[in-house]
């Protein structure tokens, strides 16, 4: 084998360059940002559904609400958590407690790298608290 030392050296350097980003960021994974709840949300102590579901599935719920309101004129949602009936509206139901869009919604959406299209149609809420 001719120039075996050079080949092995090149492979080691190439492998080191390839793996560098993984080793550099090991143990530095960014944590999800803490959302700041408004006083009203803290007082309510619970959302329309379980917190774990709302953290991961709120967009699916909002998409379902949109489709049901537009296609079926079904404007009311019965919570699986509490059995309470809520009006299907991001501006009325959700933003009633989570009125600080910058500190509640935008922090997680920025962290996750998503750009929701909610505010393409809805009026963005005025910040409070």
C-alpha atoms as a PDB file:
ATOM      1  CA  UNK A   1       0.000   0.000   0.000  1.00  0.00           C
ATOM      2  CA  UNK A   2       1.579   3.245  -1.179  1.00  0.00           C
ATOM      3  CA  UNK A   3       1.205   6.411   0.884  1.00  0.00           C
ATOM      4  CA  UNK A   4      -0.813   4.557   3.542  1.00  0.00           C
ATOM      5  CA  UNK A   5       0.249   7.041   6.223  1.00  0.00           C
ATOM      6  CA  UNK A   6      -1.060   9.983   4.204  1.00  0.00           C
ATOM      7  CA  UNK A   7      -4.363   8.240   3.511  1.00  0.00           C
ATOM      8  CA  UNK A   8      -4.915   7.340   7.159  1.00  0.00           C
ATOM      9  CA  UNK A   9      -3.944  10.868   8.244  1.00  0.00           C
ATOM     10  CA  UNK A  10      -6.407  12.332   5.726  1.00  0.00           C
ATOM     11  CA  UNK A  11      -9.185  10.011   6.926  1.00  0.00           C
ATOM     12  CA  UNK A  12      -8.553  10.928  10.564  1.00  0.00           C
ATOM     13  CA  UNK A  13      -8.590  14.660   9.762  1.00  0.00           C
ATOM     14  CA  UNK A  14     -11.726  14.291   7.613  1.00  0.00           C
ATOM     15  CA  UNK A  15     -13.505  12.296  10.327  1.00  0.00           C
ATOM     16  CA  UNK A  16     -12.488  14.877  12.952  1.00  0.00           C
ATOM     17  CA  UNK A  17     -13.883  17.697  10.817  1.00  0.00           C
ATOM     18  CA  UNK A  18     -17.074  15.754  10.206  1.00  0.00           C
ATOM     19  CA  UNK A  19     -17.660  15.012  13.906  1.00  0.00           C
ATOM     20  CA  UNK A  20     -16.521  18.387  15.270  1.00  0.00           C
ATOM     21  CA  UNK A  21     -20.015  19.981  15.378  1.00  0.00           C
ATOM     22  CA  UNK A  22     -21.385  17.029  17.342  1.00  0.00           C
ATOM     23  CA  UNK A  23     -18.642  17.075  19.957  1.00  0.00           C
ATOM     24  CA  UNK A  24     -18.622  20.879  20.178  1.00  0.00           C
ATOM     25  CA  UNK A  25     -22.313  21.052  21.079  1.00  0.00           C
ATOM     26  CA  UNK A  26     -22.455  17.927  23.256  1.00  0.00           C
ATOM     27  CA  UNK A  27     -24.183  18.732  26.530  1.00  0.00           C
ATOM     28  CA  UNK A  28     -25.176  22.210  25.373  1.00  0.00           C
ATOM     29  CA  UNK A  29     -28.648  21.422  24.115  1.00  0.00           C
ATOM     30  CA  UNK A  30     -30.899  24.435  24.403  1.00  0.00           C
ATOM     31  CA  UNK A  31     -33.771  24.086  26.807  1.00  0.00           C
ATOM     32  CA  UNK A  32     -37.218  25.134  25.779  1.00  0.00           C
ATOM     33  CA  UNK A  33     -37.916  28.654  27.002  1.00  0.00           C
ATOM     34  CA  UNK A  34     -40.174  29.187  29.965  1.00  0.00           C
ATOM     35  CA  UNK A  35     -43.433  30.761  28.996  1.00  0.00           C
ATOM     36  CA  UNK A  36     -44.612  33.632  31.142  1.00  0.00           C
ATOM     37  CA  UNK A  37     -48.211  33.243  32.196  1.00  0.00           C
ATOM     38  CA  UNK A  38     -50.431  36.237  32.768  1.00  0.00           C
ATOM     39  CA  UNK A  39     -52.077  36.756  36.144  1.00  0.00           C
ATOM     40  CA  UNK A  40     -55.365  35.465  34.739  1.00  0.00           C
ATOM     41  CA  UNK A  41     -53.754  32.256  33.465  1.00  0.00           C
ATOM     42  CA  UNK A  42     -52.052  31.683  36.829  1.00  0.00           C
ATOM     43  CA  UNK A  43     -55.364  32.245  38.579  1.00  0.00           C
ATOM     44  CA  UNK A  44     -57.176  29.767  36.322  1.00  0.00           C
ATOM     45  CA  UNK A  45     -54.578  27.068  37.125  1.00  0.00           C
ATOM     46  CA  UNK A  46     -55.638  24.987  34.109  1.00  0.00           C
ATOM     47  CA  UNK A  47     -56.093  25.415  30.412  1.00  0.00           C
ATOM     48  CA  UNK A  48     -58.935  23.993  28.334  1.00  0.00           C
ATOM     49  CA  UNK A  49     -56.924  20.773  28.012  1.00  0.00           C
ATOM     50  CA  UNK A  50     -53.997  19.200  29.869  1.00  0.00           C
ATOM     51  CA  UNK A  51     -50.762  21.202  29.785  1.00  0.00           C
ATOM     52  CA  UNK A  52     -48.793  18.398  28.116  1.00  0.00           C
ATOM     53  CA  UNK A  53     -51.368  18.207  25.320  1.00  0.00           C
ATOM     54  CA  UNK A  54     -51.448  21.963  24.857  1.00  0.00           C
ATOM     55  CA  UNK A  55     -47.649  22.181  24.624  1.00  0.00           C
ATOM     56  CA  UNK A  56     -47.520  19.660  21.799  1.00  0.00           C
ATOM     57  CA  UNK A  57     -50.970  19.601  20.235  1.00  0.00           C
ATOM     58  CA  UNK A  58     -52.357  23.133  20.367  1.00  0.00           C
ATOM     59  CA  UNK A  59     -51.817  23.737  16.664  1.00  0.00           C
ATOM     60  CA  UNK A  60     -53.684  20.570  15.745  1.00  0.00           C
ATOM     61  CA  UNK A  61     -56.530  21.655  18.041  1.00  0.00           C
ATOM     62  CA  UNK A  62     -56.617  25.122  16.468  1.00  0.00           C
ATOM     63  CA  UNK A  63     -56.609  23.626  12.966  1.00  0.00           C
ATOM     64  CA  UNK A  64     -59.530  21.376  13.925  1.00  0.00           C
ATOM     65  CA  UNK A  65     -61.376  24.350  15.402  1.00  0.00           C
ATOM     66  CA  UNK A  66     -60.850  26.354  12.205  1.00  0.00           C
ATOM     67  CA  UNK A  67     -62.149  23.548  10.010  1.00  0.00           C
ATOM     68  CA  UNK A  68     -65.162  22.840  12.223  1.00  0.00           C
ATOM     69  CA  UNK A  69     -66.141  26.512  12.480  1.00  0.00           C
ATOM     70  CA  UNK A  70     -65.727  27.256   8.783  1.00  0.00           C
ATOM     71  CA  UNK A  71     -67.135  24.019   7.347  1.00  0.00           C
ATOM     72  CA  UNK A  72     -69.715  22.982   9.939  1.00  0.00           C
ATOM     73  CA  UNK A  73     -70.507  26.235  11.812  1.00  0.00           C
ATOM     74  CA  UNK A  74     -69.671  24.350  15.034  1.00  0.00           C
ATOM     75  CA  UNK A  75     -68.491  27.168  17.311  1.00  0.00           C
ATOM     76  CA  UNK A  76     -68.313  25.470  20.698  1.00  0.00           C
ATOM     77  CA  UNK A  77     -65.751  23.066  22.148  1.00  0.00           C
ATOM     78  CA  UNK A  78     -66.283  20.809  25.140  1.00  0.00           C
ATOM     79  CA  UNK A  79     -63.092  20.301  27.120  1.00  0.00           C
ATOM     80  CA  UNK A  80     -62.004  16.705  27.664  1.00  0.00           C
ATOM     81  CA  UNK A  81     -60.230  17.863  30.845  1.00  0.00           C
ATOM     82  CA  UNK A  82     -62.979  19.803  32.627  1.00  0.00           C
ATOM     83  CA  UNK A  83     -66.120  19.220  30.601  1.00  0.00           C
ATOM     84  CA  UNK A  84     -66.551  22.989  30.265  1.00  0.00           C
ATOM     85  CA  UNK A  85     -67.786  24.467  27.010  1.00  0.00           C
ATOM     86  CA  UNK A  86     -65.540  27.049  25.313  1.00  0.00           C
ATOM     87  CA  UNK A  87     -65.990  29.259  22.282  1.00  0.00           C
ATOM     88  CA  UNK A  88     -63.719  28.125  19.426  1.00  0.00           C
ATOM     89  CA  UNK A  89     -61.643  31.237  18.964  1.00  0.00           C
ATOM     90  CA  UNK A  90     -57.952  31.929  19.371  1.00  0.00           C
ATOM     91  CA  UNK A  91     -58.704  35.589  20.090  1.00  0.00           C
ATOM     92  CA  UNK A  92     -61.522  35.029  22.570  1.00  0.00           C
ATOM     93  CA  UNK A  93     -60.678  31.761  24.310  1.00  0.00           C
ATOM     94  CA  UNK A  94     -56.889  31.435  24.123  1.00  0.00           C
ATOM     95  CA  UNK A  95     -55.828  35.060  24.286  1.00  0.00           C
ATOM     96  CA  UNK A  96     -58.134  35.702  27.226  1.00  0.00           C
ATOM     97  CA  UNK A  97     -55.562  34.051  29.508  1.00  0.00           C
ATOM     98  CA  UNK A  98     -52.477  34.129  27.279  1.00  0.00           C
ATOM     99  CA  UNK A  99     -52.683  37.755  26.270  1.00  0.00           C
ATOM    100  CA  UNK A 100     -48.949  38.432  26.199  1.00  0.00           C
ATOM    101  CA  UNK A 101     -48.143  37.053  22.752  1.00  0.00           C
ATOM    102  CA  UNK A 102     -44.477  38.073  22.876  1.00  0.00           C
ATOM    103  CA  UNK A 103     -43.718  36.348  26.171  1.00  0.00           C
ATOM    104  CA  UNK A 104     -46.015  33.351  25.771  1.00  0.00           C
ATOM    105  CA  UNK A 105     -46.441  32.391  22.114  1.00  0.00           C
ATOM    106  CA  UNK A 106     -43.459  33.929  20.353  1.00  0.00           C
ATOM    107  CA  UNK A 107     -40.801  32.528  22.709  1.00  0.00           C
ATOM    108  CA  UNK A 108     -41.666  28.911  21.945  1.00  0.00           C
ATOM    109  CA  UNK A 109     -42.375  29.480  18.269  1.00  0.00           C
ATOM    110  CA  UNK A 110     -38.984  31.170  17.845  1.00  0.00           C
ATOM    111  CA  UNK A 111     -37.237  28.376  19.764  1.00  0.00           C
ATOM    112  CA  UNK A 112     -38.963  25.715  17.633  1.00  0.00           C
ATOM    113  CA  UNK A 113     -38.266  27.635  14.429  1.00  0.00           C
ATOM    114  CA  UNK A 114     -41.886  27.769  13.346  1.00  0.00           C
ATOM    115  CA  UNK A 115     -43.788  30.668  11.856  1.00  0.00           C
ATOM    116  CA  UNK A 116     -47.472  30.067  12.565  1.00  0.00           C
ATOM    117  CA  UNK A 117     -49.931  31.596  10.174  1.00  0.00           C
ATOM    118  CA  UNK A 118     -52.517  32.481  12.866  1.00  0.00           C
ATOM    119  CA  UNK A 119     -51.886  36.188  12.575  1.00  0.00           C
ATOM    120  CA  UNK A 120     -52.249  36.205   8.810  1.00  0.00           C
ATOM    121  CA  UNK A 121     -56.012  36.318   9.370  1.00  0.00           C
ATOM    122  CA  UNK A 122     -56.435  37.141  13.054  1.00  0.00           C
ATOM    123  CA  UNK A 123     -55.560  40.482  14.584  1.00  0.00           C
ATOM    124  CA  UNK A 124     -52.515  40.130  16.832  1.00  0.00           C
ATOM    125  CA  UNK A 125     -53.471  40.983  20.412  1.00  0.00           C
ATOM    126  CA  UNK A 126     -52.334  44.130  22.111  1.00  0.00           C
ATOM    127  CA  UNK A 127     -49.747  43.245  24.727  1.00  0.00           C
ATOM    128  CA  UNK A 128     -50.878  43.367  28.342  1.00  0.00           C
ATOM    129  CA  UNK A 129     -49.057  42.658  31.598  1.00  0.00           C
END
